[in-house]
């Protein structure tokens, strides 16, 4: 039996903790369809602007999301493809009949 390096386990746990919040997971699910501005994310998630901004900042600091300014709007996208694969795995388990 092959031993899994502790570093890999710690990295996996950190990634799971990063999305282990309903709002952050919801944001990632919505961003699977492409970049969205803050206004669109507020409408899609039902979150308040201040709450959403806190979660977006946290995911940006962790390297999960990237953002860019387009005129007056800031658009977010998934920056780390590992999280796209993780969201897709969760989708297949928890909502296989919904297309993202």
Protein backbone atom coordinates (compact mmCIF):
# COMPACT_ATOMS: atom_id res chain seq x y z
CA UNK A 1 0.00 0.00 0.00
CA UNK A 2 1.35 3.40 -1.01
CA UNK A 3 1.65 6.11 1.64
CA UNK A 4 0.03 9.45 0.88
CA UNK A 5 2.38 12.33 1.74
CA UNK A 6 1.18 14.45 4.65
CA UNK A 7 1.73 17.58 2.53
CA UNK A 8 -0.85 16.31 0.00
CA UNK A 9 -3.37 15.63 2.75
CA UNK A 10 -2.85 19.09 4.23
CA UNK A 11 -3.22 20.72 0.81
CA UNK A 12 -6.46 18.82 0.14
CA UNK A 13 -7.86 19.76 3.55
CA UNK A 14 -6.98 23.43 2.95
CA UNK A 15 -8.73 23.40 -0.42
CA UNK A 16 -11.85 21.79 1.03
CA UNK A 17 -11.94 24.31 3.89
CA UNK A 18 -11.67 27.11 1.32
CA UNK A 19 -14.96 26.11 -0.30
CA UNK A 20 -16.68 24.70 2.80
CA UNK A 21 -19.04 27.66 3.00
CA UNK A 22 -22.35 27.80 1.16
CA UNK A 23 -21.74 31.23 -0.33
CA UNK A 24 -18.22 30.45 -1.55
CA UNK A 25 -19.39 27.19 -3.10
CA UNK A 26 -22.34 28.99 -4.71
CA UNK A 27 -19.99 31.61 -6.19
CA UNK A 28 -17.77 28.89 -7.66
CA UNK A 29 -20.77 27.11 -9.16
CA UNK A 30 -21.94 30.31 -10.84
CA UNK A 31 -18.44 31.15 -12.09
CA UNK A 32 -18.20 27.76 -13.80
CA UNK A 33 -20.19 29.38 -16.62
CA UNK A 34 -17.63 32.16 -17.02
CA UNK A 35 -16.65 35.47 -15.44
CA UNK A 36 -19.30 37.47 -13.60
CA UNK A 37 -19.31 40.95 -12.13
CA UNK A 38 -20.11 41.60 -8.49
CA UNK A 39 -23.62 42.83 -9.34
CA UNK A 40 -24.36 39.59 -11.20
CA UNK A 41 -22.98 37.50 -8.33
CA UNK A 42 -25.14 39.38 -5.82
CA UNK A 43 -28.22 38.66 -7.95
CA UNK A 44 -27.25 35.01 -8.47
CA UNK A 45 -26.40 34.23 -4.85
CA UNK A 46 -28.75 36.54 -2.96
CA UNK A 47 -25.85 37.66 -0.77
CA UNK A 48 -25.39 41.19 0.48
CA UNK A 49 -22.66 43.22 -1.19
CA UNK A 50 -20.53 43.40 1.96
CA UNK A 51 -20.81 39.68 2.74
CA UNK A 52 -20.06 38.71 -0.86
CA UNK A 53 -17.08 41.07 -1.00
CA UNK A 54 -15.56 39.46 2.10
CA UNK A 55 -15.84 35.98 0.61
CA UNK A 56 -14.55 37.09 -2.80
CA UNK A 57 -11.53 38.71 -1.14
CA UNK A 58 -10.81 35.53 0.84
CA UNK A 59 -10.96 33.35 -2.28
CA UNK A 60 -8.81 35.83 -4.19
CA UNK A 61 -6.16 35.77 -1.43
CA UNK A 62 -6.15 31.97 -1.56
CA UNK A 63 -5.56 32.03 -5.33
CA UNK A 64 -8.93 30.45 -6.12
CA UNK A 65 -10.31 33.50 -7.91
CA UNK A 66 -8.87 36.27 -10.04
CA UNK A 67 -10.49 39.57 -10.87
CA UNK A 68 -10.22 42.27 -13.49
CA UNK A 69 -11.76 45.68 -13.86
CA UNK A 70 -13.88 46.33 -16.95
CA UNK A 71 -14.97 49.94 -16.87
CA UNK A 72 -16.87 50.47 -13.62
CA UNK A 73 -17.34 46.75 -12.90
CA UNK A 74 -15.02 44.17 -11.37
CA UNK A 75 -15.34 40.72 -12.91
CA UNK A 76 -14.35 37.52 -11.13
CA UNK A 77 -13.31 34.22 -12.62
CA UNK A 78 -11.96 30.93 -11.31
CA UNK A 79 -8.18 31.25 -11.44
CA UNK A 80 -7.24 27.80 -10.23
CA UNK A 81 -8.37 24.96 -12.51
CA UNK A 82 -8.12 22.51 -9.61
CA UNK A 83 -11.19 24.17 -8.11
CA UNK A 84 -13.08 23.82 -11.39
CA UNK A 85 -12.41 20.08 -11.27
CA UNK A 86 -13.44 19.96 -7.61
CA UNK A 87 -16.73 21.77 -8.32
CA UNK A 88 -17.41 19.41 -11.22
CA UNK A 89 -16.81 16.38 -8.96
CA UNK A 90 -19.24 17.80 -6.39
CA UNK A 91 -21.76 18.50 -9.15
CA UNK A 92 -21.61 14.89 -10.33
CA UNK A 93 -22.22 13.65 -6.79
CA UNK A 94 -24.82 16.13 -5.52
CA UNK A 95 -26.64 17.46 -8.58
CA UNK A 96 -25.99 15.25 -11.60
CA UNK A 97 -29.13 16.43 -13.42
CA UNK A 98 -28.13 20.11 -13.37
CA UNK A 99 -25.84 21.44 -16.07
CA UNK A 100 -23.19 23.95 -15.12
